Amino acid sequence: MSSGMIRGLGTVVVFVAFVGLTLWVFNSKRNPEFAEARLLPFADEPQSENSTQQESATRSTRP
């Protein structure tokens, strides 16, 4: 096998992986899962009761 043949096979493998990944990402069956993942940056972590009380105690009431 020559180096050109190995490089060609490598190119084919990468191309097939690219096409497969593209079809997987843009598959309409995965849309609900991606819609949920799309909102993850806006999800807040639940705050404990102690941290909420501590925040209100340290805040200033002056305008």
PDB file of N, CA and C in Angstrom:
ATOM      1  N   MET A   1       0.835  -1.178   0.000  1.00  0.00           N
ATOM      2  CA  MET A   1       0.000   0.000   0.000  1.00  0.00           C
ATOM      3  C   MET A   1       0.878   1.239   0.000  1.00  0.00           C
ATOM      4  N   SER A   2       0.596   2.123  -0.890  1.00  0.00           N
ATOM      5  CA  SER A   2       1.376   3.357  -0.957  1.00  0.00           C
ATOM      6  C   SER A   2       0.807   4.388   0.019  1.00  0.00           C
ATOM      7  N   SER A   3       1.589   5.408   0.263  1.00  0.00           N
ATOM      8  CA  SER A   3       1.140   6.449   1.193  1.00  0.00           C
ATOM      9  C   SER A   3      -0.058   7.212   0.621  1.00  0.00           C
ATOM     10  N   GLY A   4      -0.143   7.317  -0.693  1.00  0.00           N
ATOM     11  CA  GLY A   4      -1.288   7.979  -1.316  1.00  0.00           C
ATOM     12  C   GLY A   4      -2.581   7.213  -1.075  1.00  0.00           C
ATOM     13  N   MET A   5      -2.501   5.880  -1.106  1.00  0.00           N
ATOM     14  CA  MET A   5      -3.675   5.043  -0.862  1.00  0.00           C
ATOM     15  C   MET A   5      -4.121   5.161   0.599  1.00  0.00           C
ATOM     16  N   ILE A   6      -3.178   5.198   1.513  1.00  0.00           N
ATOM     17  CA  ILE A   6      -3.505   5.334   2.939  1.00  0.00           C
ATOM     18  C   ILE A   6      -4.146   6.695   3.200  1.00  0.00           C
ATOM     19  N   ARG A   7      -3.608   7.730   2.601  1.00  0.00           N
ATOM     20  CA  ARG A   7      -4.191   9.067   2.767  1.00  0.00           C
ATOM     21  C   ARG A   7      -5.592   9.133   2.173  1.00  0.00           C
ATOM     22  N   GLY A   8      -5.788   8.482   1.053  1.00  0.00           N
ATOM     23  CA  GLY A   8      -7.110   8.441   0.428  1.00  0.00           C
ATOM     24  C   GLY A   8      -8.120   7.719   1.304  1.00  0.00           C
ATOM     25  N   LEU A   9      -7.720   6.591   1.889  1.00  0.00           N
ATOM     26  CA  LEU A   9      -8.614   5.865   2.787  1.00  0.00           C
ATOM     27  C   LEU A   9      -8.920   6.689   4.040  1.00  0.00           C
ATOM     28  N   GLY A  10      -7.931   7.403   4.539  1.00  0.00           N
ATOM     29  CA  GLY A  10      -8.152   8.281   5.690  1.00  0.00           C
ATOM     30  C   GLY A  10      -9.149   9.375   5.362  1.00  0.00           C
ATOM     31  N   THR A  11      -9.043   9.919   4.165  1.00  0.00           N
ATOM     32  CA  THR A  11      -9.976  10.955   3.734  1.00  0.00           C
ATOM     33  C   THR A  11     -11.392  10.403   3.636  1.00  0.00           C
ATOM     34  N   VAL A  12     -11.534   9.203   3.116  1.00  0.00           N
ATOM     35  CA  VAL A  12     -12.853   8.575   3.003  1.00  0.00           C
ATOM     36  C   VAL A  12     -13.444   8.320   4.390  1.00  0.00           C
ATOM     37  N   VAL A  13     -12.627   7.853   5.323  1.00  0.00           N
ATOM     38  CA  VAL A  13     -13.110   7.591   6.684  1.00  0.00           C
ATOM     39  C   VAL A  13     -13.591   8.884   7.340  1.00  0.00           C
ATOM     40  N   VAL A  14     -12.828   9.956   7.209  1.00  0.00           N
ATOM     41  CA  VAL A  14     -13.213  11.235   7.801  1.00  0.00           C
ATOM     42  C   VAL A  14     -14.476  11.771   7.134  1.00  0.00           C
ATOM     43  N   PHE A  15     -14.596  11.617   5.830  1.00  0.00           N
ATOM     44  CA  PHE A  15     -15.782  12.082   5.118  1.00  0.00           C
ATOM     45  C   PHE A  15     -17.024  11.313   5.555  1.00  0.00           C
ATOM     46  N   VAL A  16     -16.907  10.007   5.698  1.00  0.00           N
ATOM     47  CA  VAL A  16     -18.046   9.192   6.143  1.00  0.00           C
ATOM     48  C   VAL A  16     -18.443   9.580   7.566  1.00  0.00           C
ATOM     49  N   ALA A  17     -17.466   9.825   8.427  1.00  0.00           N
ATOM     50  CA  ALA A  17     -17.764  10.262   9.793  1.00  0.00           C
ATOM     51  C   ALA A  17     -18.460  11.620   9.780  1.00  0.00           C
ATOM     52  N   PHE A  18     -18.019  12.523   8.933  1.00  0.00           N
ATOM     53  CA  PHE A  18     -18.638  13.843   8.826  1.00  0.00           C
ATOM     54  C   PHE A  18     -20.083  13.736   8.362  1.00  0.00           C
ATOM     55  N   VAL A  19     -20.337  12.944   7.346  1.00  0.00           N
ATOM     56  CA  VAL A  19     -21.701  12.781   6.835  1.00  0.00           C
ATOM     57  C   VAL A  19     -22.583  12.129   7.896  1.00  0.00           C
ATOM     58  N   GLY A  20     -22.069  11.115   8.575  1.00  0.00           N
ATOM     59  CA  GLY A  20     -22.843  10.449   9.624  1.00  0.00           C
ATOM     60  C   GLY A  20     -23.176  11.387  10.768  1.00  0.00           C
ATOM     61  N   LEU A  21     -22.217  12.179  11.197  1.00  0.00           N
ATOM     62  CA  LEU A  21     -22.445  13.131  12.282  1.00  0.00           C
ATOM     63  C   LEU A  21     -23.431  14.216  11.860  1.00  0.00           C
ATOM     64  N   THR A  22     -23.323  14.672  10.629  1.00  0.00           N
ATOM     65  CA  THR A  22     -24.250  15.682  10.122  1.00  0.00           C
ATOM     66  C   THR A  22     -25.678  15.144  10.084  1.00  0.00           C
ATOM     67  N   LEU A  23     -25.852  13.921   9.627  1.00  0.00           N
ATOM     68  CA  LEU A  23     -27.190  13.325   9.601  1.00  0.00           C
ATOM     69  C   LEU A  23     -27.722  13.121  11.014  1.00  0.00           C
ATOM     70  N   TRP A  24     -26.857  12.756  11.954  1.00  0.00           N
ATOM     71  CA  TRP A  24     -27.272  12.552  13.342  1.00  0.00           C
ATOM     72  C   TRP A  24     -27.720  13.866  13.977  1.00  0.00           C
ATOM     73  N   VAL A  25     -26.983  14.943  13.719  1.00  0.00           N
ATOM     74  CA  VAL A  25     -27.296  16.236  14.327  1.00  0.00           C
ATOM     75  C   VAL A  25     -28.589  16.813  13.764  1.00  0.00           C
ATOM     76  N   PHE A  26     -28.778  16.728  12.474  1.00  0.00           N
ATOM     77  CA  PHE A  26     -29.939  17.349  11.850  1.00  0.00           C
ATOM     78  C   PHE A  26     -31.125  16.403  11.710  1.00  0.00           C
ATOM     79  N   ASN A  27     -31.115  15.284  12.409  1.00  0.00           N
ATOM     80  CA  ASN A  27     -32.223  14.346  12.396  1.00  0.00           C
ATOM     81  C   ASN A  27     -33.378  14.942  13.195  1.00  0.00           C
ATOM     82  N   SER A  28     -34.573  14.929  12.642  1.00  0.00           N
ATOM     83  CA  SER A  28     -35.719  15.551  13.309  1.00  0.00           C
ATOM     84  C   SER A  28     -36.162  14.771  14.545  1.00  0.00           C
ATOM     85  N   LYS A  29     -35.773  13.514  14.678  1.00  0.00           N
ATOM     86  CA  LYS A  29     -36.136  12.736  15.860  1.00  0.00           C
ATOM     87  C   LYS A  29     -35.428  13.252  17.106  1.00  0.00           C
ATOM     88  N   ARG A  30     -34.308  13.918  16.942  1.00  0.00           N
ATOM     89  CA  ARG A  30     -33.527  14.407  18.073  1.00  0.00           C
ATOM     90  C   ARG A  30     -33.896  15.839  18.451  1.00  0.00           C
ATOM     91  N   ASN A  31     -34.839  16.437  17.761  1.00  0.00           N
ATOM     92  CA  ASN A  31     -35.203  17.829  18.012  1.00  0.00           C
ATOM     93  C   ASN A  31     -35.652  18.094  19.453  1.00  0.00           C
ATOM     94  N   PRO A  32     -36.494  17.248  20.072  1.00  0.00           N
ATOM     95  CA  PRO A  32     -36.881  17.529  21.468  1.00  0.00           C
ATOM     96  C   PRO A  32     -35.687  17.511  22.427  1.00  0.00           C
ATOM     97  N   GLU A  33     -34.762  16.604  22.203  1.00  0.00           N
ATOM     98  CA  GLU A  33     -33.576  16.534  23.065  1.00  0.00           C
ATOM     99  C   GLU A  33     -32.719  17.788  22.909  1.00  0.00           C
ATOM    100  N   PHE A  34     -32.560  18.245  21.688  1.00  0.00           N
ATOM    101  CA  PHE A  34     -31.771  19.454  21.454  1.00  0.00           C
ATOM    102  C   PHE A  34     -32.509  20.695  21.947  1.00  0.00           C
ATOM    103  N   ALA A  35     -33.838  20.697  21.890  1.00  0.00           N
ATOM    104  CA  ALA A  35     -34.600  21.838  22.401  1.00  0.00           C
ATOM    105  C   ALA A  35     -34.405  21.971  23.907  1.00  0.00           C
ATOM    106  N   GLU A  36     -34.353  20.842  24.599  1.00  0.00           N
ATOM    107  CA  GLU A  36     -34.099  20.875  26.041  1.00  0.00           C
ATOM    108  C   GLU A  36     -32.669  21.331  26.327  1.00  0.00           C
ATOM    109  N   ALA A  37     -31.725  20.847  25.560  1.00  0.00           N
ATOM    110  CA  ALA A  37     -30.322  21.224  25.766  1.00  0.00           C
ATOM    111  C   ALA A  37     -30.092  22.692  25.424  1.00  0.00           C
ATOM    112  N   ARG A  38     -30.883  23.225  24.513  1.00  0.00           N
ATOM    113  CA  ARG A  38     -30.745  24.623  24.116  1.00  0.00           C
ATOM    114  C   ARG A  38     -31.045  25.569  25.277  1.00  0.00           C
ATOM    115  N   LEU A  39     -31.887  25.142  26.210  1.00  0.00           N
ATOM    116  CA  LEU A  39     -32.289  25.986  27.334  1.00  0.00           C
ATOM    117  C   LEU A  39     -31.409  25.809  28.571  1.00  0.00           C
ATOM    118  N   LEU A  40     -30.445  24.907  28.534  1.00  0.00           N
ATOM    119  CA  LEU A  40     -29.602  24.655  29.699  1.00  0.00           C
ATOM    120  C   LEU A  40     -28.840  25.877  30.207  1.00  0.00           C
ATOM    121  N   PRO A  41     -28.347  26.779  29.372  1.00  0.00           N
ATOM    122  CA  PRO A  41     -27.646  27.944  29.924  1.00  0.00           C
ATOM    123  C   PRO A  41     -28.540  28.840  30.774  1.00  0.00           C
ATOM    124  N   PHE A  42     -29.839  28.771  30.579  1.00  0.00           N
ATOM    125  CA  PHE A  42     -30.754  29.624  31.323  1.00  0.00           C
ATOM    126  C   PHE A  42     -31.271  28.968  32.600  1.00  0.00           C
ATOM    127  N   ALA A  43     -30.940  27.706  32.800  1.00  0.00           N
ATOM    128  CA  ALA A  43     -31.405  27.003  33.995  1.00  0.00           C
ATOM    129  C   ALA A  43     -30.553  27.434  35.183  1.00  0.00           C
ATOM    130  N   ASP A  44     -31.225  27.854  36.231  1.00  0.00           N
ATOM    131  CA  ASP A  44     -30.515  28.264  37.437  1.00  0.00           C
ATOM    132  C   ASP A  44     -30.420  27.093  38.397  1.00  0.00           C
ATOM    133  N   GLU A  45     -29.341  27.096  39.138  1.00  0.00           N
ATOM    134  CA  GLU A  45     -29.201  26.084  40.163  1.00  0.00           C
ATOM    135  C   GLU A  45     -30.094  26.474  41.339  1.00  0.00           C
ATOM    136  N   PRO A  46     -30.729  25.499  41.951  1.00  0.00           N
ATOM    137  CA  PRO A  46     -31.574  25.842  43.100  1.00  0.00           C
ATOM    138  C   PRO A  46     -30.714  26.351  44.255  1.00  0.00           C
ATOM    139  N   GLN A  47     -31.144  27.429  44.849  1.00  0.00           N
ATOM    140  CA  GLN A  47     -30.391  28.004  45.952  1.00  0.00           C
ATOM    141  C   GLN A  47     -30.887  27.414  47.258  1.00  0.00           C
ATOM    142  N   SER A  48     -29.967  27.205  48.158  1.00  0.00           N
ATOM    143  CA  SER A  48     -30.358  26.693  49.461  1.00  0.00           C
ATOM    144  C   SER A  48     -30.999  27.811  50.277  1.00  0.00           C
ATOM    145  N   GLU A  49     -31.737  27.432  51.295  1.00  0.00           N
ATOM    146  CA  GLU A  49     -32.448  28.413  52.111  1.00  0.00           C
ATOM    147  C   GLU A  49     -31.468  29.302  52.869  1.00  0.00           C
ATOM    148  N   ASN A  50     -30.345  28.754  53.279  1.00  0.00           N
ATOM    149  CA  ASN A  50     -29.355  29.528  54.034  1.00  0.00           C
ATOM    150  C   ASN A  50     -28.735  30.634  53.195  1.00  0.00           C
ATOM    151  N   SER A  51     -28.436  30.346  51.944  1.00  0.00           N
ATOM    152  CA  SER A  51     -27.802  31.364  51.105  1.00  0.00           C
ATOM    153  C   SER A  51     -28.769  32.501  50.797  1.00  0.00           C
ATOM    154  N   THR A  52     -30.064  32.211  50.691  1.00  0.00           N
ATOM    155  CA  THR A  52     -31.045  33.259  50.439  1.00  0.00           C
ATOM    156  C   THR A  52     -31.174  34.170  51.654  1.00  0.00           C
ATOM    157  N   GLN A  53     -31.173  33.595  52.832  1.00  0.00           N
ATOM    158  CA  GLN A  53     -31.256  34.398  54.048  1.00  0.00           C
ATOM    159  C   GLN A  53     -29.999  35.230  54.223  1.00  0.00           C
ATOM    160  N   GLN A  54     -28.864  34.657  53.894  1.00  0.00           N
ATOM    161  CA  GLN A  54     -27.600  35.370  54.042  1.00  0.00           C
ATOM    162  C   GLN A  54     -27.545  36.556  53.082  1.00  0.00           C
ATOM    163  N   GLU A  55     -28.032  36.376  51.861  1.00  0.00           N
ATOM    164  CA  GLU A  55     -28.037  37.469  50.891  1.00  0.00           C
ATOM    165  C   GLU A  55     -28.912  38.619  51.366  1.00  0.00           C
ATOM    166  N   SER A  56     -30.102  38.310  51.886  1.00  0.00           N
ATOM    167  CA  SER A  56     -31.002  39.375  52.318  1.00  0.00           C
ATOM    168  C   SER A  56     -30.450  40.093  53.545  1.00  0.00           C
ATOM    169  N   ALA A  57     -29.680  39.408  54.373  1.00  0.00           N
ATOM    170  CA  ALA A  57     -29.115  40.031  55.568  1.00  0.00           C
ATOM    171  C   ALA A  57     -27.955  40.955  55.213  1.00  0.00           C
ATOM    172  N   THR A  58     -27.259  40.699  54.126  1.00  0.00           N
ATOM    173  CA  THR A  58     -26.099  41.512  53.769  1.00  0.00           C
ATOM    174  C   THR A  58     -26.442  42.648  52.820  1.00  0.00           C
ATOM    175  N   ARG A  59     -27.625  42.660  52.272  1.00  0.00           N
ATOM    176  CA  ARG A  59     -28.001  43.727  51.347  1.00  0.00           C
ATOM    177  C   ARG A  59     -28.318  45.008  52.111  1.00  0.00           C
ATOM    178  N   SER A  60     -27.996  46.101  51.501  1.00  0.00           N
ATOM    179  CA  SER A  60     -28.285  47.396  52.102  1.00  0.00           C
ATOM    180  C   SER A  60     -29.705  47.815  51.743  1.00  0.00           C
ATOM    181  N   THR A  61     -30.372  48.481  52.663  1.00  0.00           N
ATOM    182  CA  THR A  61     -31.737  48.944  52.404  1.00  0.00           C
ATOM    183  C   THR A  61     -31.754  50.393  51.965  1.00  0.00           C
ATOM    184  N   ARG A  62     -30.588  51.002  51.915  1.00  0.00           N
ATOM    185  CA  ARG A  62     -30.522  52.395  51.469  1.00  0.00           C
ATOM    186  C   ARG A  62     -30.609  52.471  49.957  1.00  0.00           C
ATOM    187  N   PRO A  63     -31.244  53.514  49.421  1.00  0.00           N
ATOM    188  CA  PRO A  63     -31.358  53.651  47.961  1.00  0.00           C
ATOM    189  C   PRO A  63     -30.067  54.049  47.304  1.00  0.00           C
TER     190      PRO A  63
END
